[in-house]
Amino acid sequence: MAVIEAAEKMLPARLRPAGQKAVAALHAALFERGDKAAAQRMALVAFAIRIASAGLAFLSQIALARLMGEYQYGIFVFVWVLIVLCGDLCCFGFHIAIIRFLPQYKADGAFAEIRGLTGTARVFALVSGTCLMLAGMAFLHFFGDRIEPYYLLPAFIGLLAMPMVTLGDMLEGTSRANHWPIMALGPVYLVRPLLIIVFMGAAALAGAPATAVTAMQVALLATYVTALGQYAATLFRLRRHYDSGPRKIELARWFGVAGPIFLVEAAGFLLTNSDVVVVGIFLEPHNVAIYFAAAKTMALVHFIMFSVKAASGPRFATIMAEGSQSKLAEAAGEAARWTFWPALALGLVILAFGHLLLSLFGGAFTAGYVLMGILLCGILMKALVGPAETLLMMAGRQNICVCVYAAVLSANVVLNVVLIPHFGIVGTAVATASAMAFEALLLHIACRHALGIRLCAVLPASARREGVA
């Protein structure tokens, strides 16, 4: 605290009132108790982790692109995005349902339900991930002749990582529900990328060829090491907090909520990653590489939204349990502001240095600069409504989210199919940005009509709540 106060005194006199307000808000977030402070702490920690992750991922992608060349790098990116996408979908919404139920169980002292929920989630993740792995291998066996040959072996290796990718997502949801941000985000966003860099460097020193196959082998090893370590650490902490004892399993109730959440998350995750997938289907690997480099460079802005979303879910769930509509509207407005203004500032800074950042991947990658500007427009439109989909899901309005994302995903696919043949990767960027703007509009309308909350970061507090719908 002394360091913060000293920094405040260094500000010009006319800036000190604003500085004092910022210091007070930071002090409250770091040291006060309560749901609001806990959510803010989780957002700050999550944001710090994602900042570090963004830097680490950015450096690792530069190293891979430089080492492998844009063609092999494009193959690796396309396959790895598909594996991570399918691994997340394999959770079938259970990893988000944990965030919905565990805080309620904890408030009621229902430890048997907590033990049943978290144990069932881990088993389900391993079973579903293994089933999808086997299904994917069967698909490659029977339909491999219809796939470009340079994708086959990397895809097979990637499928072996599927159970661990799914388990990691489920463990992340468990830690988020318990307000353990470091354990939730650290393994996937810090440890795994670091291990990929280390293992890829070791492979290069050992004389392994710098190909997509080698990169997928490295990613496979890093995924298993990370997921198994995360599993052991999470299990230890769960047993320390909730002791051992009987388990109560409420499958029908959990999956009744997880089902609609799965549809929302699936549509949202597909929407987030469909651009890379579509580029990989329609264009050559070097186009995938250029587009991915541009999108990855702008990914730090997405991390702000992710961080606020990670903190808002448990807070929204707690407020919903209290039944306070005014408090919910206030929390939603704060989340939107915490999303938009940092996203705007950070996005403009990244765009200003865009050419330099892309050149680090290689000379050919600077062709993606125009894509960065287009993508930023869409990101900022989405940031205006903050974690609106999380608000709707925690309020039990999953079906509305399903309809919103189905419409947005359909629009995104149609726009990609129409624009890519004429404009290439620029068409993909336009389609993705347009879909994000359309998503923001539909989510704003949904929150206004379903919850009586006019969710927009630039609206004053007096204009935010309309009444209970």
Protein backbone atom coordinates (compact mmCIF):
# COMPACT_ATOMS: atom_id res chain seq x y z
CA MET A 1 0.00 0.00 0.00
CA ALA A 2 2.90 2.36 0.74
CA VAL A 3 4.19 1.91 -2.80
CA ILE A 4 0.77 2.82 -4.22
CA GLU A 5 0.53 5.92 -2.03
CA ALA A 6 4.04 7.01 -3.06
CA ALA A 7 3.12 6.64 -6.72
CA GLU A 8 -0.02 8.68 -6.12
CA LYS A 9 2.03 11.56 -4.62
CA MET A 10 4.17 11.65 -7.77
CA LEU A 11 1.14 12.60 -9.87
CA PRO A 12 0.56 16.25 -10.87
CA ALA A 13 -1.76 18.11 -8.50
CA ARG A 14 -4.63 18.29 -10.97
CA LEU A 15 -4.49 14.51 -11.54
CA ARG A 16 -4.40 13.56 -7.86
CA PRO A 17 -8.19 13.44 -7.31
CA ALA A 18 -8.53 10.90 -10.11
CA GLY A 19 -5.46 9.11 -8.79
CA GLN A 20 -6.90 8.96 -5.28
CA LYS A 21 -10.12 7.50 -6.64
CA ALA A 22 -8.20 4.87 -8.60
CA VAL A 23 -6.07 4.03 -5.55
CA ALA A 24 -9.19 3.67 -3.40
CA ALA A 25 -10.75 1.32 -5.96
CA LEU A 26 -7.53 -0.70 -6.20
CA HIS A 27 -7.19 -0.90 -2.41
CA ALA A 28 -10.80 -2.08 -2.11
CA ALA A 29 -10.28 -4.74 -4.76
CA LEU A 30 -7.07 -6.03 -3.18
CA PHE A 31 -7.86 -5.96 0.53
CA GLU A 32 -11.59 -5.73 1.23
CA ARG A 33 -13.87 -8.70 1.77
CA GLY A 34 -17.16 -9.48 0.07
CA ASP A 35 -18.38 -10.76 -3.27
CA LYS A 36 -17.61 -7.56 -5.15
CA ALA A 37 -14.02 -7.37 -3.88
CA ALA A 38 -13.51 -11.09 -4.53
CA ALA A 39 -14.77 -10.69 -8.09
CA GLN A 40 -12.49 -7.69 -8.65
CA ARG A 41 -9.49 -9.55 -7.23
CA MET A 42 -10.23 -12.49 -9.49
CA ALA A 43 -10.55 -10.16 -12.47
CA LEU A 44 -7.20 -8.51 -11.65
CA VAL A 45 -5.42 -11.83 -11.13
CA ALA A 46 -7.04 -13.31 -14.23
CA PHE A 47 -6.07 -10.27 -16.25
CA ALA A 48 -2.48 -10.42 -14.97
CA ILE A 49 -2.27 -14.09 -15.90
CA ARG A 50 -3.73 -13.47 -19.33
CA ILE A 51 -1.31 -10.57 -19.88
CA ALA A 52 1.59 -12.86 -19.02
CA SER A 53 0.02 -15.60 -21.11
CA ALA A 54 -0.40 -13.26 -24.06
CA GLY A 55 3.26 -12.33 -23.92
CA LEU A 56 4.33 -15.93 -23.54
CA ALA A 57 2.02 -17.16 -26.30
CA PHE A 58 3.10 -14.32 -28.56
CA LEU A 59 6.77 -15.17 -28.09
CA SER A 60 6.12 -18.88 -28.57
CA GLN A 61 4.17 -18.29 -31.77
CA ILE A 62 6.94 -16.04 -33.10
CA ALA A 63 9.50 -18.72 -32.28
CA LEU A 64 7.42 -21.42 -33.97
CA ALA A 65 6.76 -19.29 -37.04
CA ARG A 66 10.44 -18.37 -37.38
CA LEU A 67 11.54 -21.96 -36.83
CA MET A 68 8.96 -23.72 -38.99
CA GLY A 69 8.20 -21.23 -41.74
CA GLU A 70 4.74 -19.97 -42.58
CA TYR A 71 3.59 -23.13 -44.41
CA GLN A 72 4.37 -25.67 -41.66
CA TYR A 73 3.31 -23.15 -39.03
CA GLY A 74 -0.07 -22.78 -40.76
CA ILE A 75 -0.60 -26.56 -40.68
CA PHE A 76 0.17 -26.69 -36.96
CA VAL A 77 -2.08 -23.73 -36.15
CA PHE A 78 -5.05 -25.16 -38.04
CA VAL A 79 -4.81 -28.59 -36.39
CA TRP A 80 -4.12 -27.30 -32.88
CA VAL A 81 -7.04 -24.87 -32.99
CA LEU A 82 -9.32 -27.74 -34.01
CA ILE A 83 -8.07 -29.92 -31.14
CA VAL A 84 -8.54 -27.19 -28.52
CA LEU A 85 -11.97 -26.35 -29.97
CA CYS A 86 -13.17 -29.95 -29.86
CA GLY A 87 -11.68 -30.46 -26.39
CA ASP A 88 -13.68 -27.54 -25.02
CA LEU A 89 -16.87 -28.78 -26.67
CA CYS A 90 -16.29 -32.21 -25.11
CA CYS A 91 -17.13 -30.75 -21.70
CA PHE A 92 -20.73 -30.35 -22.94
CA GLY A 93 -21.21 -27.28 -20.74
CA PHE A 94 -20.38 -29.12 -17.51
CA HIS A 95 -17.34 -26.91 -16.83
CA ILE A 96 -19.61 -23.84 -16.77
CA ALA A 97 -22.39 -25.59 -14.85
CA ILE A 98 -19.89 -26.09 -12.02
CA ILE A 99 -19.57 -22.31 -11.75
CA ARG A 100 -23.35 -22.09 -11.54
CA PHE A 101 -23.88 -24.75 -8.85
CA LEU A 102 -20.79 -24.81 -6.63
CA PRO A 103 -21.17 -21.29 -5.14
CA GLN A 104 -24.80 -22.09 -4.30
CA TYR A 105 -23.84 -25.40 -2.67
CA LYS A 106 -21.05 -23.69 -0.75
CA ALA A 107 -23.42 -20.99 0.55
CA ASP A 108 -25.79 -23.74 1.75
CA GLY A 109 -23.01 -25.83 3.28
CA ALA A 110 -23.90 -28.71 0.95
CA PHE A 111 -20.45 -30.32 0.85
CA ALA A 112 -21.76 -33.73 -0.22
CA GLU A 113 -23.18 -32.12 -3.36
CA ILE A 114 -19.88 -30.30 -3.98
CA ARG A 115 -17.90 -33.54 -3.74
CA GLY A 116 -20.36 -35.26 -6.06
CA LEU A 117 -20.31 -32.38 -8.55
CA THR A 118 -16.53 -32.02 -8.81
CA GLY A 119 -15.87 -35.77 -8.87
CA THR A 120 -18.46 -36.42 -11.55
CA ALA A 121 -17.06 -33.56 -13.63
CA ARG A 122 -13.55 -35.05 -13.69
CA VAL A 123 -14.74 -38.51 -14.66
CA PHE A 124 -17.06 -37.12 -17.30
CA ALA A 125 -14.24 -35.07 -18.84
CA LEU A 126 -11.96 -38.08 -19.23
CA VAL A 127 -14.70 -40.31 -20.65
CA SER A 128 -16.04 -37.76 -23.13
CA GLY A 129 -12.55 -36.74 -24.26
CA THR A 130 -11.56 -40.36 -24.83
CA CYS A 131 -14.74 -41.07 -26.79
CA LEU A 132 -14.14 -38.11 -29.08
CA MET A 133 -10.53 -39.15 -29.56
CA LEU A 134 -11.62 -42.61 -30.72
CA ALA A 135 -14.33 -41.14 -32.94
CA GLY A 136 -11.78 -38.80 -34.52
CA MET A 137 -9.37 -41.63 -35.22
CA ALA A 138 -12.16 -43.63 -36.83
CA PHE A 139 -12.99 -40.63 -39.01
CA LEU A 140 -9.37 -40.32 -40.13
CA HIS A 141 -9.29 -44.03 -40.94
CA PHE A 142 -12.42 -44.08 -43.09
CA PHE A 143 -12.37 -40.59 -44.61
CA GLY A 144 -8.68 -39.71 -44.56
CA ASP A 145 -8.51 -39.81 -48.36
CA ARG A 146 -10.75 -36.74 -48.46
CA ILE A 147 -8.39 -34.70 -46.25
CA GLU A 148 -5.26 -32.93 -47.43
CA PRO A 149 -2.40 -35.36 -46.71
CA TYR A 150 -0.29 -32.79 -44.85
CA TYR A 151 -3.02 -32.58 -42.17
CA LEU A 152 -3.39 -36.33 -41.47
CA LEU A 153 -0.45 -37.17 -39.17
CA PRO A 154 -0.62 -33.90 -37.18
CA ALA A 155 -4.37 -34.48 -36.68
CA PHE A 156 -3.77 -38.05 -35.43
CA ILE A 157 -1.18 -36.84 -32.93
CA GLY A 158 -3.46 -34.03 -31.81
CA LEU A 159 -6.32 -36.44 -31.15
CA LEU A 160 -4.18 -38.22 -28.57
CA ALA A 161 -4.24 -35.00 -26.51
CA MET A 162 -8.04 -34.75 -26.51
CA PRO A 163 -8.74 -36.34 -23.07
CA MET A 164 -6.21 -34.06 -21.37
CA VAL A 165 -7.50 -30.93 -23.10
CA THR A 166 -11.01 -31.75 -21.90
CA LEU A 167 -9.82 -32.54 -18.37
CA GLY A 168 -7.93 -29.25 -18.21
CA ASP A 169 -11.05 -27.28 -19.17
CA MET A 170 -13.08 -29.06 -16.50
CA LEU A 171 -10.45 -28.38 -13.83
CA GLU A 172 -10.36 -24.74 -14.88
CA GLY A 173 -14.12 -24.47 -14.32
CA THR A 174 -13.76 -26.11 -10.90
CA SER A 175 -11.10 -23.62 -9.82
CA ARG A 176 -13.04 -20.63 -11.19
CA ALA A 177 -16.08 -21.69 -9.16
CA ASN A 178 -13.92 -21.67 -6.03
CA HIS A 179 -12.34 -18.25 -6.80
CA TRP A 180 -8.91 -19.81 -7.38
CA PRO A 181 -7.79 -17.77 -10.41
CA ILE A 182 -4.14 -18.82 -10.42
CA MET A 183 -4.98 -22.50 -10.34
CA ALA A 184 -7.76 -21.97 -12.88
CA LEU A 185 -5.78 -20.08 -15.50
CA GLY A 186 -2.13 -20.74 -14.74
CA PRO A 187 -1.79 -24.30 -16.10
CA VAL A 188 -3.39 -23.79 -19.52
CA TYR A 189 -2.35 -20.20 -20.15
CA LEU A 190 1.12 -20.13 -18.60
CA VAL A 191 2.51 -23.59 -17.95
CA ARG A 192 1.47 -25.30 -21.18
CA PRO A 193 2.78 -22.56 -23.55
CA LEU A 194 6.03 -22.43 -21.58
CA LEU A 195 6.45 -26.19 -21.85
CA ILE A 196 5.77 -26.05 -25.59
CA ILE A 197 8.61 -23.52 -25.99
CA VAL A 198 10.98 -25.58 -23.83
CA PHE A 199 10.14 -28.90 -25.48
CA MET A 200 10.30 -27.43 -29.01
CA GLY A 201 13.70 -25.94 -28.24
CA ALA A 202 14.89 -29.29 -26.93
CA ALA A 203 13.59 -31.02 -30.07
CA ALA A 204 15.41 -28.54 -32.29
CA LEU A 205 18.65 -29.04 -30.37
CA ALA A 206 18.21 -32.81 -30.73
CA GLY A 207 18.00 -32.41 -34.49
CA ALA A 208 14.28 -33.04 -34.98
CA PRO A 209 12.84 -31.57 -38.20
CA ALA A 210 11.04 -28.23 -37.81
CA THR A 211 7.69 -29.47 -39.08
CA ALA A 212 4.07 -29.44 -37.96
CA VAL A 213 4.44 -33.09 -36.92
CA THR A 214 7.23 -32.23 -34.48
CA ALA A 215 5.23 -29.26 -33.13
CA MET A 216 2.19 -31.48 -32.53
CA GLN A 217 4.32 -34.03 -30.69
CA VAL A 218 5.66 -31.26 -28.49
CA ALA A 219 2.14 -29.92 -27.85
CA LEU A 220 0.95 -33.44 -26.97
CA LEU A 221 3.67 -33.91 -24.36
CA ALA A 222 3.12 -30.43 -22.90
CA THR A 223 -0.63 -31.04 -22.64
CA TYR A 224 -0.25 -34.28 -20.70
CA VAL A 225 2.32 -32.87 -18.29
CA THR A 226 0.17 -29.78 -17.64
CA ALA A 227 -3.18 -31.55 -17.25
CA LEU A 228 -1.89 -34.28 -14.93
CA GLY A 229 -0.12 -31.74 -12.75
CA GLN A 230 -3.26 -29.58 -12.63
CA TYR A 231 -5.33 -32.63 -11.73
CA ALA A 232 -3.12 -33.50 -8.75
CA ALA A 233 -3.02 -29.90 -7.47
CA THR A 234 -6.78 -29.36 -7.83
CA LEU A 235 -7.64 -32.65 -6.13
CA PHE A 236 -5.35 -31.81 -3.20
CA ARG A 237 -6.92 -28.39 -2.73
CA LEU A 238 -10.49 -29.68 -3.01
CA ARG A 239 -9.85 -32.27 -0.31
CA ARG A 240 -8.30 -29.63 1.93
CA HIS A 241 -11.31 -27.31 1.61
CA TYR A 242 -14.16 -29.80 1.65
CA ASP A 243 -12.69 -32.80 3.48
CA SER A 244 -13.59 -36.34 2.56
CA GLY A 245 -17.07 -37.73 2.99
CA PRO A 246 -20.18 -38.88 1.17
CA ARG A 247 -21.05 -37.66 -2.30
CA LYS A 248 -24.45 -36.67 -3.56
CA ILE A 249 -24.94 -36.81 -7.32
CA GLU A 250 -27.72 -34.86 -9.02
CA LEU A 251 -27.07 -35.70 -12.66
CA ALA A 252 -30.49 -34.69 -13.95
CA ARG A 253 -30.25 -31.26 -12.35
CA TRP A 254 -26.67 -30.64 -13.46
CA PHE A 255 -27.17 -31.72 -17.04
CA GLY A 256 -30.47 -29.87 -17.19
CA VAL A 257 -28.42 -26.69 -16.81
CA ALA A 258 -25.29 -27.91 -18.63
CA GLY A 259 -27.25 -28.78 -21.79
CA PRO A 260 -28.37 -25.25 -22.67
CA ILE A 261 -25.00 -23.91 -21.48
CA PHE A 262 -23.29 -26.32 -23.88
CA LEU A 263 -25.29 -24.94 -26.78
CA VAL A 264 -24.33 -21.40 -25.79
CA GLU A 265 -20.67 -22.20 -25.18
CA ALA A 266 -20.43 -24.30 -28.33
CA ALA A 267 -21.86 -21.53 -30.48
CA GLY A 268 -19.69 -18.93 -28.76
CA PHE A 269 -16.50 -20.99 -28.99
CA LEU A 270 -17.20 -21.90 -32.59
CA LEU A 271 -17.78 -18.24 -33.31
CA THR A 272 -14.47 -17.31 -31.69
CA ASN A 273 -12.45 -19.92 -33.59
CA SER A 274 -14.44 -20.47 -36.76
CA ASP A 275 -12.42 -17.85 -38.65
CA VAL A 276 -9.18 -19.85 -38.38
CA VAL A 277 -11.02 -23.09 -39.18
CA VAL A 278 -12.76 -21.64 -42.24
CA VAL A 279 -9.51 -20.15 -43.55
CA GLY A 280 -7.87 -23.55 -43.14
CA ILE A 281 -10.67 -25.26 -45.05
CA PHE A 282 -10.82 -22.84 -47.98
CA LEU A 283 -7.27 -21.48 -48.24
CA GLU A 284 -3.69 -22.70 -48.13
CA PRO A 285 -1.71 -23.12 -44.86
CA HIS A 286 0.31 -19.93 -45.40
CA ASN A 287 -2.95 -17.93 -45.35
CA VAL A 288 -3.86 -19.62 -42.09
CA ALA A 289 -0.49 -18.56 -40.70
CA ILE A 290 -0.89 -14.89 -41.69
CA TYR A 291 -4.45 -14.66 -40.41
CA PHE A 292 -3.60 -16.41 -37.15
CA ALA A 293 -0.63 -14.11 -36.54
CA ALA A 294 -2.87 -11.05 -36.98
CA ALA A 295 -5.59 -12.49 -34.75
CA LYS A 296 -3.05 -13.61 -32.14
CA THR A 297 -1.56 -10.13 -32.04
CA MET A 298 -5.00 -8.69 -31.25
CA ALA A 299 -5.76 -11.49 -28.79
CA LEU A 300 -4.63 -9.45 -25.78
CA VAL A 301 -7.79 -7.37 -26.13
CA HIS A 302 -9.85 -10.56 -25.97
CA PHE A 303 -8.04 -11.44 -22.75
CA ILE A 304 -9.55 -8.42 -21.03
CA MET A 305 -13.03 -9.73 -21.82
CA PHE A 306 -12.05 -13.22 -20.69
CA SER A 307 -10.67 -11.94 -17.39
CA VAL A 308 -13.80 -9.97 -16.54
CA LYS A 309 -15.97 -12.90 -17.62
CA ALA A 310 -14.00 -15.28 -15.38
CA ALA A 311 -14.62 -13.06 -12.37
CA SER A 312 -18.21 -12.11 -13.18
CA GLY A 313 -19.69 -15.59 -13.39
CA PRO A 314 -19.44 -16.49 -9.68
CA ARG A 315 -20.42 -12.95 -8.67
CA PHE A 316 -23.53 -12.96 -10.86
CA ALA A 317 -24.49 -16.40 -9.49
CA THR A 318 -24.17 -15.17 -5.90
CA ILE A 319 -26.25 -12.05 -6.57
CA MET A 320 -28.91 -14.12 -8.31
CA ALA A 321 -29.11 -16.32 -5.21
CA GLU A 322 -29.69 -13.17 -3.13
CA GLY A 323 -32.45 -12.02 -5.49
CA SER A 324 -31.30 -8.39 -5.73
CA GLN A 325 -32.18 -7.01 -9.17
CA SER A 326 -30.67 -3.58 -8.54
CA LYS A 327 -27.41 -5.11 -7.36
CA LEU A 328 -27.35 -7.33 -10.45
CA ALA A 329 -27.78 -4.33 -12.73
CA GLU A 330 -24.99 -2.49 -10.94
CA ALA A 331 -22.65 -5.48 -11.19
CA ALA A 332 -23.43 -5.95 -14.88
CA GLY A 333 -22.71 -2.29 -15.61
CA GLU A 334 -19.41 -2.43 -13.76
CA ALA A 335 -18.41 -5.54 -15.70
CA ALA A 336 -19.19 -3.83 -19.00
CA ARG A 337 -17.10 -0.78 -18.09
CA TRP A 338 -14.24 -2.97 -16.85
CA THR A 339 -14.35 -4.63 -20.28
CA PHE A 340 -14.76 -1.80 -22.78
CA TRP A 341 -12.45 1.01 -21.65
CA PRO A 342 -9.35 -1.15 -21.06
CA ALA A 343 -10.09 -2.96 -24.34
CA LEU A 344 -10.26 0.34 -26.23
CA ALA A 345 -7.00 1.65 -24.78
CA LEU A 346 -5.11 -1.59 -25.24
CA GLY A 347 -6.47 -2.19 -28.73
CA LEU A 348 -5.30 1.22 -29.96
CA VAL A 349 -1.83 0.68 -28.51
CA ILE A 350 -1.50 -2.73 -30.17
CA LEU A 351 -2.74 -1.35 -33.48
CA ALA A 352 -0.19 1.48 -33.34
CA PHE A 353 2.64 -1.05 -33.15
CA GLY A 354 0.96 -3.61 -35.41
CA HIS A 355 3.46 -3.55 -38.28
CA LEU A 356 6.38 -4.03 -35.93
CA LEU A 357 4.70 -6.86 -34.05
CA LEU A 358 3.74 -8.75 -37.21
CA SER A 359 7.22 -8.37 -38.67
CA LEU A 360 8.55 -10.40 -35.75
CA PHE A 361 6.81 -13.46 -37.21
CA GLY A 362 8.52 -12.91 -40.57
CA GLY A 363 8.40 -10.53 -43.51
CA ALA A 364 5.35 -12.17 -45.11
CA PHE A 365 3.23 -11.72 -41.98
CA THR A 366 2.98 -7.92 -42.26
CA ALA A 367 0.28 -8.54 -44.89
CA GLY A 368 -2.02 -9.14 -41.94
CA TYR A 369 -1.92 -5.56 -40.61
CA VAL A 370 -5.18 -4.52 -42.23
CA LEU A 371 -6.80 -7.57 -40.63
CA MET A 372 -5.85 -6.26 -37.19
CA GLY A 373 -7.77 -3.00 -37.69
CA ILE A 374 -10.85 -4.82 -38.95
CA LEU A 375 -10.81 -7.31 -36.08
CA LEU A 376 -10.39 -4.54 -33.48
CA CYS A 377 -13.61 -2.88 -34.65
CA GLY A 378 -15.54 -6.07 -33.98
CA ILE A 379 -13.82 -6.69 -30.65
CA LEU A 380 -14.74 -3.23 -29.37
CA MET A 381 -18.37 -3.66 -30.38
CA LYS A 382 -18.49 -6.90 -28.38
CA ALA A 383 -16.71 -5.23 -25.45
CA LEU A 384 -19.49 -2.63 -25.16
CA VAL A 385 -21.82 -5.20 -23.58
CA GLY A 386 -19.13 -6.91 -21.47
CA PRO A 387 -19.87 -10.45 -20.24
CA ALA A 388 -23.55 -10.24 -21.27
CA GLU A 389 -23.78 -13.93 -22.14
CA THR A 390 -22.46 -14.84 -18.67
CA LEU A 391 -25.10 -12.61 -17.09
CA LEU A 392 -27.88 -14.29 -19.05
CA MET A 393 -26.63 -17.79 -18.26
CA MET A 394 -26.22 -17.13 -14.55
CA ALA A 395 -29.75 -15.69 -14.56
CA GLY A 396 -31.10 -18.92 -16.03
CA ARG A 397 -31.75 -17.47 -19.49
CA GLN A 398 -29.61 -20.00 -21.35
CA ASN A 399 -32.19 -20.56 -24.06
CA ILE A 400 -31.98 -16.92 -25.09
CA CYS A 401 -28.21 -17.25 -25.43
CA VAL A 402 -28.67 -20.35 -27.56
CA CYS A 403 -30.86 -18.43 -29.98
CA VAL A 404 -28.47 -15.46 -30.05
CA TYR A 405 -25.40 -17.54 -30.76
CA ALA A 406 -27.15 -19.73 -33.29
CA ALA A 407 -28.08 -16.62 -35.23
CA VAL A 408 -24.60 -15.09 -34.91
CA LEU A 409 -22.80 -18.30 -35.85
CA SER A 410 -25.04 -18.77 -38.88
CA ALA A 411 -24.40 -15.20 -39.97
CA ASN A 412 -20.65 -15.66 -39.50
CA VAL A 413 -20.52 -18.86 -41.57
CA VAL A 414 -22.61 -17.35 -44.36
CA LEU A 415 -20.49 -14.20 -44.46
CA ASN A 416 -17.28 -16.24 -44.56
CA VAL A 417 -18.51 -18.46 -47.36
CA VAL A 418 -19.64 -15.42 -49.37
CA LEU A 419 -16.63 -13.16 -48.72
CA ILE A 420 -13.63 -15.53 -48.73
CA PRO A 421 -13.82 -16.44 -52.45
CA HIS A 422 -13.76 -12.74 -53.36
CA PHE A 423 -11.56 -11.16 -50.68
CA GLY A 424 -9.53 -14.03 -49.17
CA ILE A 425 -8.39 -13.55 -45.58
CA VAL A 426 -9.64 -9.94 -45.60
CA GLY A 427 -13.11 -11.35 -46.19
CA THR A 428 -12.69 -13.58 -43.14
CA ALA A 429 -11.74 -10.59 -40.98
CA VAL A 430 -14.76 -8.59 -42.19
CA ALA A 431 -17.06 -11.55 -41.57
CA THR A 432 -15.70 -12.09 -38.07
CA ALA A 433 -15.92 -8.40 -37.10
CA SER A 434 -19.46 -8.13 -38.48
CA ALA A 435 -20.52 -11.21 -36.55
CA MET A 436 -19.14 -9.76 -33.30
CA ALA A 437 -21.05 -6.51 -33.84
CA PHE A 438 -24.22 -8.47 -34.56
CA GLU A 439 -23.62 -10.53 -31.42
CA ALA A 440 -23.26 -7.40 -29.27
CA LEU A 441 -26.51 -5.97 -30.61
CA LEU A 442 -28.47 -9.17 -29.95
CA LEU A 443 -27.04 -9.56 -26.44
CA HIS A 444 -27.92 -5.97 -25.57
CA ILE A 445 -31.49 -6.53 -26.75
CA ALA A 446 -31.69 -9.84 -24.87
CA CYS A 447 -30.51 -8.34 -21.55
CA ARG A 448 -32.90 -5.43 -21.93
CA HIS A 449 -35.98 -7.54 -22.60
CA ALA A 450 -35.20 -10.58 -20.42
CA LEU A 451 -33.66 -8.89 -17.37
CA GLY A 452 -34.67 -5.25 -17.67
CA ILE A 453 -31.01 -4.21 -17.84
CA ARG A 454 -29.75 -1.88 -20.58
CA LEU A 455 -26.22 -3.24 -20.71
CA CYS A 456 -23.80 -0.89 -22.43
CA ALA A 457 -20.48 0.40 -21.12
CA VAL A 458 -21.13 3.99 -22.19
CA LEU A 459 -24.58 4.29 -20.57
CA PRO A 460 -24.84 6.20 -17.25
CA ALA A 461 -25.96 4.22 -14.23
CA SER A 462 -29.32 6.02 -14.11
CA ALA A 463 -30.21 4.72 -17.58
CA ARG A 464 -29.06 1.14 -17.02
CA ARG A 465 -32.02 -0.47 -15.26
CA GLU A 466 -35.51 -0.48 -16.73
CA GLY A 467 -37.17 -2.88 -14.34
CA VAL A 468 -37.65 -6.59 -13.98
CA ALA A 469 -38.90 -8.31 -17.11
